[in-house]
Amino acid sequence: MIASPRGWFITGTDTGVGKTLSSSALLEALGQAGVRAIGMKPVASGAEPDAHGMLVNDDVARLQAASSIDAPASAICPYLFRLAIAPHLAAVAEGREIALEPILATYAALRQRADIVVVEGVGGFRVPLGPDFDTADLAQALDLPVILVVGMRLGCLNHALLTIEAIQARGLTLAGWIASSIDPDMLAAAANLDTLHRYIDAPLLGHVPYLPEPDANRQRVAAARHLDLGRLLGNPHHPPGTAYVTEHNAVAASPD
């Protein structure tokens, strides 16, 4: 049996590197393993009203669809803004202020319902959320192990290593990293991946290939096949049916 954590904080080397796909794929894999998991997006920028006038953000919708527990968008995303700009600027544009307390309250409520909460950050690791508050502060307050999504493109080596330094400087644990292929034409992609392997002292949890699948659900399921859930939970050679112990109960993984 494997003791599972309370959840993970998912960050990335930049914006647009595949955090949401990796987060939703992780939720998919956890759900397939019988773990009650839910996604959380503390802050999201860029939303359009639906037919009922409710604001919808694509990242939040993808996390909802991937979660094994149903919850309205407001229950997993306490701060949702219309403009697709830096969140602190989006908040100012709406005359609002992002505060830590509602985010922590949202996380605590989700923890009561789920075995694991997958918290997806916004942008990179140090995105301003207010005058003296950024996503690194949020990660510290949540005190969750961090998973780094590395967008595989030119510049990823520097971006990954600097981000890891920032994570460690905050006293946080790097649980692992995911290589996310976002540039199908990247030169020396395998050599870059090998370099990251040698420099990052944390397990590679998976290499999500470039997946130009227009259907978000099929894309998520495909990406989940490339994640090593056992390595993340502490058993790199777990067979189908391995039991994962959570605070709520012991749950058995269903065969692949």
C-alpha atoms as a PDB file:
ATOM      1  CA  MET A   1       0.000   0.000   0.000  1.00  0.00           C
ATOM      2  CA  ILE A   2       1.121   3.512  -0.822  1.00  0.00           C
ATOM      3  CA  ALA A   3       0.416   6.578   1.284  1.00  0.00           C
ATOM      4  CA  SER A   4      -0.786   9.372  -0.957  1.00  0.00           C
ATOM      5  CA  PRO A   5      -0.291  13.110  -0.370  1.00  0.00           C
ATOM      6  CA  ARG A   6      -3.107  15.612   0.138  1.00  0.00           C
ATOM      7  CA  GLY A   7      -2.527  16.948  -3.349  1.00  0.00           C
ATOM      8  CA  TRP A   8      -0.080  18.840  -5.503  1.00  0.00           C
ATOM      9  CA  PHE A   9       0.483  22.376  -6.697  1.00  0.00           C
ATOM     10  CA  ILE A  10       1.015  22.395 -10.464  1.00  0.00           C
ATOM     11  CA  THR A  11       3.219  25.145 -11.821  1.00  0.00           C
ATOM     12  CA  GLY A  12       4.924  25.699 -15.146  1.00  0.00           C
ATOM     13  CA  THR A  13       7.997  27.180 -16.738  1.00  0.00           C
ATOM     14  CA  ASP A  14       5.770  29.799 -18.370  1.00  0.00           C
ATOM     15  CA  THR A  15       2.224  30.397 -19.464  1.00  0.00           C
ATOM     16  CA  GLY A  16       0.935  28.213 -22.281  1.00  0.00           C
ATOM     17  CA  VAL A  17       3.204  25.246 -21.513  1.00  0.00           C
ATOM     18  CA  GLY A  18       0.507  22.640 -20.900  1.00  0.00           C
ATOM     19  CA  LYS A  19      -0.296  23.020 -17.199  1.00  0.00           C
ATOM     20  CA  THR A  20      -4.009  22.484 -17.698  1.00  0.00           C
ATOM     21  CA  LEU A  21      -3.540  19.448 -19.928  1.00  0.00           C
ATOM     22  CA  SER A  22      -1.059  17.949 -17.454  1.00  0.00           C
ATOM     23  CA  SER A  23      -3.327  18.749 -14.487  1.00  0.00           C
ATOM     24  CA  SER A  24      -6.402  17.286 -16.149  1.00  0.00           C
ATOM     25  CA  ALA A  25      -4.417  14.213 -17.280  1.00  0.00           C
ATOM     26  CA  LEU A  26      -3.265  13.705 -13.692  1.00  0.00           C
ATOM     27  CA  LEU A  27      -6.873  13.956 -12.503  1.00  0.00           C
ATOM     28  CA  GLU A  28      -7.878  11.454 -15.197  1.00  0.00           C
ATOM     29  CA  ALA A  29      -5.194   8.994 -14.089  1.00  0.00           C
ATOM     30  CA  LEU A  30      -6.173   9.373 -10.432  1.00  0.00           C
ATOM     31  CA  GLY A  31      -9.824   8.817 -11.273  1.00  0.00           C
ATOM     32  CA  GLN A  32      -8.976   5.690 -13.254  1.00  0.00           C
ATOM     33  CA  ALA A  33      -7.075   4.461 -10.174  1.00  0.00           C
ATOM     34  CA  GLY A  34     -10.179   4.883  -8.024  1.00  0.00           C
ATOM     35  CA  VAL A  35      -8.911   7.958  -6.190  1.00  0.00           C
ATOM     36  CA  ARG A  36     -11.427  10.704  -5.408  1.00  0.00           C
ATOM     37  CA  ALA A  37      -9.615  13.670  -6.921  1.00  0.00           C
ATOM     38  CA  ILE A  38     -10.719  17.174  -7.757  1.00  0.00           C
ATOM     39  CA  GLY A  39      -9.056  20.033  -9.586  1.00  0.00           C
ATOM     40  CA  MET A  40      -8.770  23.577  -8.274  1.00  0.00           C
ATOM     41  CA  LYS A  41      -7.857  26.750 -10.139  1.00  0.00           C
ATOM     42  CA  PRO A  42      -7.419  29.501  -7.511  1.00  0.00           C
ATOM     43  CA  VAL A  43      -7.217  32.293 -10.063  1.00  0.00           C
ATOM     44  CA  ALA A  44      -8.199  32.306 -13.737  1.00  0.00           C
ATOM     45  CA  SER A  45      -8.071  35.117 -16.271  1.00  0.00           C
ATOM     46  CA  GLY A  46      -9.989  35.073 -19.518  1.00  0.00           C
ATOM     47  CA  ALA A  47     -13.670  34.161 -19.405  1.00  0.00           C
ATOM     48  CA  GLU A  48     -16.687  34.493 -21.670  1.00  0.00           C
ATOM     49  CA  PRO A  49     -20.372  34.409 -20.669  1.00  0.00           C
ATOM     50  CA  ASP A  50     -22.305  31.287 -21.634  1.00  0.00           C
ATOM     51  CA  ALA A  51     -25.927  31.158 -22.790  1.00  0.00           C
ATOM     52  CA  HIS A  52     -27.052  31.745 -19.198  1.00  0.00           C
ATOM     53  CA  GLY A  53     -24.731  34.677 -18.621  1.00  0.00           C
ATOM     54  CA  MET A  54     -22.339  32.688 -16.430  1.00  0.00           C
ATOM     55  CA  LEU A  55     -18.628  33.310 -16.985  1.00  0.00           C
ATOM     56  CA  VAL A  56     -16.791  30.280 -18.345  1.00  0.00           C
ATOM     57  CA  ASN A  57     -13.033  29.773 -18.379  1.00  0.00           C
ATOM     58  CA  ASP A  58     -11.614  26.950 -20.487  1.00  0.00           C
ATOM     59  CA  ASP A  59      -9.008  25.874 -17.911  1.00  0.00           C
ATOM     60  CA  VAL A  60     -11.596  25.679 -15.150  1.00  0.00           C
ATOM     61  CA  ALA A  61     -13.997  23.746 -17.395  1.00  0.00           C
ATOM     62  CA  ARG A  62     -11.274  21.226 -18.248  1.00  0.00           C
ATOM     63  CA  LEU A  63     -10.450  20.655 -14.597  1.00  0.00           C
ATOM     64  CA  GLN A  64     -14.141  20.163 -13.821  1.00  0.00           C
ATOM     65  CA  ALA A  65     -14.483  17.605 -16.601  1.00  0.00           C
ATOM     66  CA  ALA A  66     -11.401  15.691 -15.433  1.00  0.00           C
ATOM     67  CA  SER A  67     -12.342  15.585 -11.738  1.00  0.00           C
ATOM     68  CA  SER A  68     -13.982  12.500 -10.271  1.00  0.00           C
ATOM     69  CA  ILE A  69     -16.091  14.723  -7.992  1.00  0.00           C
ATOM     70  CA  ASP A  70     -18.657  17.145  -9.384  1.00  0.00           C
ATOM     71  CA  ALA A  71     -18.403  20.766  -8.308  1.00  0.00           C
ATOM     72  CA  PRO A  72     -19.537  24.069  -9.826  1.00  0.00           C
ATOM     73  CA  ALA A  73     -16.903  26.423 -11.187  1.00  0.00           C
ATOM     74  CA  SER A  74     -17.334  28.760  -8.232  1.00  0.00           C
ATOM     75  CA  ALA A  75     -16.402  25.941  -5.861  1.00  0.00           C
ATOM     76  CA  ILE A  76     -13.023  25.318  -7.497  1.00  0.00           C
ATOM     77  CA  CYS A  77     -12.148  28.817  -8.747  1.00  0.00           C
ATOM     78  CA  PRO A  78     -12.703  31.620  -6.230  1.00  0.00           C
ATOM     79  CA  TYR A  79     -11.275  34.300  -8.548  1.00  0.00           C
ATOM     80  CA  LEU A  80     -12.423  34.360 -12.164  1.00  0.00           C
ATOM     81  CA  PHE A  81     -11.821  37.406 -14.360  1.00  0.00           C
ATOM     82  CA  ARG A  82     -13.045  38.368 -17.814  1.00  0.00           C
ATOM     83  CA  LEU A  83      -9.826  39.758 -19.299  1.00  0.00           C
ATOM     84  CA  ALA A  84      -7.120  37.318 -20.427  1.00  0.00           C
ATOM     85  CA  ILE A  85      -4.305  39.313 -18.855  1.00  0.00           C
ATOM     86  CA  ALA A  86      -2.087  39.000 -15.780  1.00  0.00           C
ATOM     87  CA  PRO A  87      -4.432  38.257 -12.863  1.00  0.00           C
ATOM     88  CA  HIS A  88      -3.479  41.246 -10.707  1.00  0.00           C
ATOM     89  CA  LEU A  89      -4.201  43.534 -13.669  1.00  0.00           C
ATOM     90  CA  ALA A  90      -7.471  41.720 -14.422  1.00  0.00           C
ATOM     91  CA  ALA A  91      -8.484  42.207 -10.793  1.00  0.00           C
ATOM     92  CA  VAL A  92      -7.729  45.933 -10.932  1.00  0.00           C
ATOM     93  CA  ALA A  93      -9.764  46.238 -14.136  1.00  0.00           C
ATOM     94  CA  GLU A  94     -12.786  44.856 -12.277  1.00  0.00           C
ATOM     95  CA  GLY A  95     -12.181  46.809  -9.093  1.00  0.00           C
ATOM     96  CA  ARG A  96     -11.406  43.654  -7.155  1.00  0.00           C
ATOM     97  CA  GLU A  97      -8.533  42.393  -5.022  1.00  0.00           C
ATOM     98  CA  ILE A  98      -7.159  38.866  -4.833  1.00  0.00           C
ATOM     99  CA  ALA A  99      -6.751  37.745  -1.214  1.00  0.00           C
ATOM    100  CA  LEU A 100      -5.209  34.594   0.185  1.00  0.00           C
ATOM    101  CA  GLU A 101      -7.955  33.731   2.684  1.00  0.00           C
ATOM    102  CA  PRO A 102     -10.749  32.868   0.184  1.00  0.00           C
ATOM    103  CA  ILE A 103      -8.318  30.663  -1.741  1.00  0.00           C
ATOM    104  CA  LEU A 104      -7.308  28.761   1.383  1.00  0.00           C
ATOM    105  CA  ALA A 105     -10.965  28.408   2.381  1.00  0.00           C
ATOM    106  CA  THR A 106     -11.789  26.987  -1.060  1.00  0.00           C
ATOM    107  CA  TYR A 107      -8.935  24.505  -0.793  1.00  0.00           C
ATOM    108  CA  ALA A 108     -10.021  23.447   2.715  1.00  0.00           C
ATOM    109  CA  ALA A 109     -13.582  22.856   1.509  1.00  0.00           C
ATOM    110  CA  LEU A 110     -12.373  20.710  -1.390  1.00  0.00           C
ATOM    111  CA  ARG A 111     -10.138  18.718   0.950  1.00  0.00           C
ATOM    112  CA  GLN A 112     -13.257  17.718   2.883  1.00  0.00           C
ATOM    113  CA  ARG A 113     -14.722  16.192  -0.265  1.00  0.00           C
ATOM    114  CA  ALA A 114     -11.721  14.638  -1.999  1.00  0.00           C
ATOM    115  CA  ASP A 115      -8.774  12.386  -1.285  1.00  0.00           C
ATOM    116  CA  ILE A 116      -6.503  14.547  -3.436  1.00  0.00           C
ATOM    117  CA  VAL A 117      -6.767  18.128  -4.664  1.00  0.00           C
ATOM    118  CA  VAL A 118      -4.798  19.062  -7.781  1.00  0.00           C
ATOM    119  CA  VAL A 119      -4.212  22.816  -7.596  1.00  0.00           C
ATOM    120  CA  GLU A 120      -3.249  24.391 -10.898  1.00  0.00           C
ATOM    121  CA  GLY A 121      -1.414  27.686 -10.625  1.00  0.00           C
ATOM    122  CA  VAL A 122      -1.544  30.502 -13.138  1.00  0.00           C
ATOM    123  CA  GLY A 123       1.271  31.250 -15.571  1.00  0.00           C
ATOM    124  CA  GLY A 124       4.712  30.523 -14.122  1.00  0.00           C
ATOM    125  CA  PHE A 125       5.811  30.160 -10.519  1.00  0.00           C
ATOM    126  CA  ARG A 126       6.093  33.867  -9.673  1.00  0.00           C
ATOM    127  CA  VAL A 127       3.073  35.575 -11.184  1.00  0.00           C
ATOM    128  CA  PRO A 128       1.882  38.668  -9.250  1.00  0.00           C
ATOM    129  CA  LEU A 129      -1.541  38.323  -7.663  1.00  0.00           C
ATOM    130  CA  GLY A 130      -1.437  41.642  -5.842  1.00  0.00           C
ATOM    131  CA  PRO A 131       0.931  44.410  -4.721  1.00  0.00           C
ATOM    132  CA  ASP A 132       2.825  42.118  -2.320  1.00  0.00           C
ATOM    133  CA  PHE A 133       1.486  38.641  -3.116  1.00  0.00           C
ATOM    134  CA  ASP A 134       2.339  36.213  -5.922  1.00  0.00           C
ATOM    135  CA  THR A 135       1.799  32.577  -6.884  1.00  0.00           C
ATOM    136  CA  ALA A 136       4.958  31.503  -5.024  1.00  0.00           C
ATOM    137  CA  ASP A 137       3.412  32.915  -1.841  1.00  0.00           C
ATOM    138  CA  LEU A 138       0.245  30.976  -2.627  1.00  0.00           C
ATOM    139  CA  ALA A 139       2.187  27.741  -3.097  1.00  0.00           C
ATOM    140  CA  GLN A 140       3.885  28.307   0.247  1.00  0.00           C
ATOM    141  CA  ALA A 141       0.583  28.964   2.001  1.00  0.00           C
ATOM    142  CA  LEU A 142      -0.951  25.782   0.594  1.00  0.00           C
ATOM    143  CA  ASP A 143       2.201  23.873   1.586  1.00  0.00           C
ATOM    144  CA  LEU A 144       1.742  21.247  -1.099  1.00  0.00           C
ATOM    145  CA  PRO A 145       4.473  19.407  -2.997  1.00  0.00           C
ATOM    146  CA  VAL A 146       5.026  20.999  -6.393  1.00  0.00           C
ATOM    147  CA  ILE A 147       4.883  19.427  -9.840  1.00  0.00           C
ATOM    148  CA  LEU A 148       6.666  21.415 -12.545  1.00  0.00           C
ATOM    149  CA  VAL A 149       5.378  21.287 -16.114  1.00  0.00           C
ATOM    150  CA  VAL A 150       8.264  22.009 -18.470  1.00  0.00           C
ATOM    151  CA  GLY A 151       7.181  23.350 -21.840  1.00  0.00           C
ATOM    152  CA  MET A 152       9.556  21.650 -24.266  1.00  0.00           C
ATOM    153  CA  ARG A 153      10.703  24.466 -26.512  1.00  0.00           C
ATOM    154  CA  LEU A 154      13.803  26.561 -27.027  1.00  0.00           C
ATOM    155  CA  GLY A 155      14.759  28.109 -23.686  1.00  0.00           C
ATOM    156  CA  CYS A 156      13.202  25.364 -21.560  1.00  0.00           C
ATOM    157  CA  LEU A 157      16.481  24.404 -19.880  1.00  0.00           C
ATOM    158  CA  ASN A 158      17.055  27.832 -18.359  1.00  0.00           C
ATOM    159  CA  HIS A 159      13.380  28.297 -17.541  1.00  0.00           C
ATOM    160  CA  ALA A 160      13.141  24.909 -15.816  1.00  0.00           C
ATOM    161  CA  LEU A 161      16.289  25.271 -13.728  1.00  0.00           C
ATOM    162  CA  LEU A 162      15.474  28.821 -12.630  1.00  0.00           C
ATOM    163  CA  THR A 163      11.951  27.768 -11.664  1.00  0.00           C
ATOM    164  CA  ILE A 164      13.267  24.845  -9.638  1.00  0.00           C
ATOM    165  CA  GLU A 165      15.650  27.190  -7.812  1.00  0.00           C
ATOM    166  CA  ALA A 166      12.687  29.430  -6.969  1.00  0.00           C
ATOM    167  CA  ILE A 167      10.635  26.471  -5.732  1.00  0.00           C
ATOM    168  CA  GLN A 168      13.457  25.255  -3.505  1.00  0.00           C
ATOM    169  CA  ALA A 169      14.151  28.775  -2.218  1.00  0.00           C
ATOM    170  CA  ARG A 170      10.588  28.785  -0.837  1.00  0.00           C
ATOM    171  CA  GLY A 171      11.275  25.587   1.083  1.00  0.00           C
ATOM    172  CA  LEU A 172       8.860  23.584  -1.072  1.00  0.00           C
ATOM    173  CA  THR A 173       9.269  20.000  -2.229  1.00  0.00           C
ATOM    174  CA  LEU A 174       9.552  19.306  -5.946  1.00  0.00           C
ATOM    175  CA  ALA A 175       7.519  16.101  -6.260  1.00  0.00           C
ATOM    176  CA  GLY A 176       8.450  15.676  -9.905  1.00  0.00           C
ATOM    177  CA  TRP A 177       8.254  17.200 -13.349  1.00  0.00           C
ATOM    178  CA  ILE A 178       6.360  16.604 -16.564  1.00  0.00           C
ATOM    179  CA  ALA A 179       7.861  17.194 -19.986  1.00  0.00           C
ATOM    180  CA  SER A 180       5.167  18.818 -22.140  1.00  0.00           C
ATOM    181  CA  SER A 181       5.834  18.852 -25.872  1.00  0.00           C
ATOM    182  CA  ILE A 182       4.315  22.109 -27.097  1.00  0.00           C
ATOM    183  CA  ASP A 183       6.537  22.656 -30.146  1.00  0.00           C
ATOM    184  CA  PRO A 184       6.302  19.732 -32.573  1.00  0.00           C
ATOM    185  CA  ASP A 185       9.221  21.173 -34.557  1.00  0.00           C
ATOM    186  CA  MET A 186      11.602  21.633 -31.637  1.00  0.00           C
ATOM    187  CA  LEU A 187      15.189  20.900 -32.634  1.00  0.00           C
ATOM    188  CA  ALA A 188      17.219  18.497 -30.476  1.00  0.00           C
ATOM    189  CA  ALA A 189      14.150  17.711 -28.375  1.00  0.00           C
ATOM    190  CA  ALA A 190      15.543  14.381 -27.145  1.00  0.00           C
ATOM    191  CA  ALA A 191      18.874  15.971 -26.201  1.00  0.00           C
ATOM    192  CA  ASN A 192      17.077  18.713 -24.273  1.00  0.00           C
ATOM    193  CA  LEU A 193      15.019  16.100 -22.434  1.00  0.00           C
ATOM    194  CA  ASP A 194      18.182  14.177 -21.576  1.00  0.00           C
ATOM    195  CA  THR A 195      19.798  17.374 -20.248  1.00  0.00           C
ATOM    196  CA  LEU A 196      16.802  18.059 -18.030  1.00  0.00           C
ATOM    197  CA  HIS A 197      17.010  14.477 -16.739  1.00  0.00           C
ATOM    198  CA  ARG A 198      20.613  15.036 -15.681  1.00  0.00           C
ATOM    199  CA  TYR A 199      20.026  18.412 -14.034  1.00  0.00           C
ATOM    200  CA  ILE A 200      16.704  17.894 -12.244  1.00  0.00           C
ATOM    201  CA  ASP A 201      16.925  15.959  -8.992  1.00  0.00           C
ATOM    202  CA  ALA A 202      13.300  14.838  -9.039  1.00  0.00           C
ATOM    203  CA  PRO A 203      11.441  12.098 -10.911  1.00  0.00           C
ATOM    204  CA  LEU A 204      10.196  12.585 -14.444  1.00  0.00           C
ATOM    205  CA  LEU A 205       6.491  11.803 -14.091  1.00  0.00           C
ATOM    206  CA  GLY A 206       5.823  11.585 -17.783  1.00  0.00           C
ATOM    207  CA  HIS A 207       6.462  12.999 -21.225  1.00  0.00           C
ATOM    208  CA  VAL A 208       3.226  14.263 -22.748  1.00  0.00           C
ATOM    209  CA  PRO A 209       3.690  14.365 -26.512  1.00  0.00           C
ATOM    210  CA  TYR A 210       2.307  17.021 -28.796  1.00  0.00           C
ATOM    211  CA  LEU A 211      -1.399  16.171 -28.978  1.00  0.00           C
ATOM    212  CA  PRO A 212      -3.280  18.280 -31.542  1.00  0.00           C
ATOM    213  CA  GLU A 213      -6.591  16.665 -30.553  1.00  0.00           C
ATOM    214  CA  PRO A 214      -9.491  19.142 -30.833  1.00  0.00           C
ATOM    215  CA  ASP A 215     -11.652  17.216 -28.356  1.00  0.00           C
ATOM    216  CA  ALA A 216     -10.508  18.127 -24.835  1.00  0.00           C
ATOM    217  CA  ASN A 217     -11.784  14.897 -23.284  1.00  0.00           C
ATOM    218  CA  ARG A 218      -9.986  12.633 -25.750  1.00  0.00           C
ATOM    219  CA  GLN A 219      -6.849  14.757 -25.424  1.00  0.00           C
ATOM    220  CA  ARG A 220      -6.934  14.390 -21.627  1.00  0.00           C
ATOM    221  CA  VAL A 221      -7.353  10.620 -21.779  1.00  0.00           C
ATOM    222  CA  ALA A 222      -4.510  10.348 -24.289  1.00  0.00           C
ATOM    223  CA  ALA A 223      -2.215  12.488 -22.140  1.00  0.00           C
ATOM    224  CA  ALA A 224      -3.009  10.450 -19.018  1.00  0.00           C
ATOM    225  CA  ARG A 225      -1.516   7.363 -20.680  1.00  0.00           C
ATOM    226  CA  HIS A 226       1.863   9.078 -20.625  1.00  0.00           C
ATOM    227  CA  LEU A 227       1.930   9.765 -16.863  1.00  0.00           C
ATOM    228  CA  ASP A 228       3.520   7.459 -14.297  1.00  0.00           C
ATOM    229  CA  LEU A 229       1.113   7.682 -11.381  1.00  0.00           C
ATOM    230  CA  GLY A 230       2.991   5.069  -9.396  1.00  0.00           C
ATOM    231  CA  ARG A 231       6.204   7.084  -9.523  1.00  0.00           C
ATOM    232  CA  LEU A 232       4.339  10.122  -8.245  1.00  0.00           C
ATOM    233  CA  LEU A 233       2.816   8.183  -5.357  1.00  0.00           C
ATOM    234  CA  GLY A 234       6.102   6.566  -4.399  1.00  0.00           C
ATOM    235  CA  ASN A 235       6.033   3.206  -6.211  1.00  0.00           C
ATOM    236  CA  PRO A 236       7.635   3.323  -9.676  1.00  0.00           C
ATOM    237  CA  HIS A 237       6.690  -0.298 -10.396  1.00  0.00           C
ATOM    238  CA  HIS A 238       3.102  -0.441  -9.210  1.00  0.00           C
ATOM    239  CA  PRO A 239       0.996  -3.103 -10.942  1.00  0.00           C
ATOM    240  CA  PRO A 240      -2.679  -2.581 -11.872  1.00  0.00           C
ATOM    241  CA  GLY A 241      -4.819  -3.034  -8.779  1.00  0.00           C
ATOM    242  CA  THR A 242      -2.326  -1.507  -6.335  1.00  0.00           C
ATOM    243  CA  ALA A 243      -4.128  -0.039  -3.340  1.00  0.00           C
ATOM    244  CA  TYR A 244      -3.616   3.625  -2.561  1.00  0.00           C
ATOM    245  CA  VAL A 245      -4.271   4.737   1.010  1.00  0.00           C
ATOM    246  CA  THR A 246      -5.904   8.116   1.567  1.00  0.00           C
ATOM    247  CA  GLU A 247      -7.227   9.852   4.643  1.00  0.00           C
ATOM    248  CA  HIS A 248     -10.767   8.836   3.725  1.00  0.00           C
ATOM    249  CA  ASN A 249     -10.301   5.207   2.783  1.00  0.00           C
ATOM    250  CA  ALA A 250      -8.187   2.707   0.902  1.00  0.00           C
ATOM    251  CA  VAL A 251      -9.002   2.659  -2.809  1.00  0.00           C
ATOM    252  CA  ALA A 252      -7.848   0.124  -5.358  1.00  0.00           C
ATOM    253  CA  ALA A 253      -6.553   1.065  -8.764  1.00  0.00           C
ATOM    254  CA  SER A 254      -8.540  -0.407 -11.612  1.00  0.00           C
ATOM    255  CA  PRO A 255      -6.569  -2.298 -14.278  1.00  0.00           C
ATOM    256  CA  ASP A 256      -5.330  -0.306 -17.284  1.00  0.00           C
END
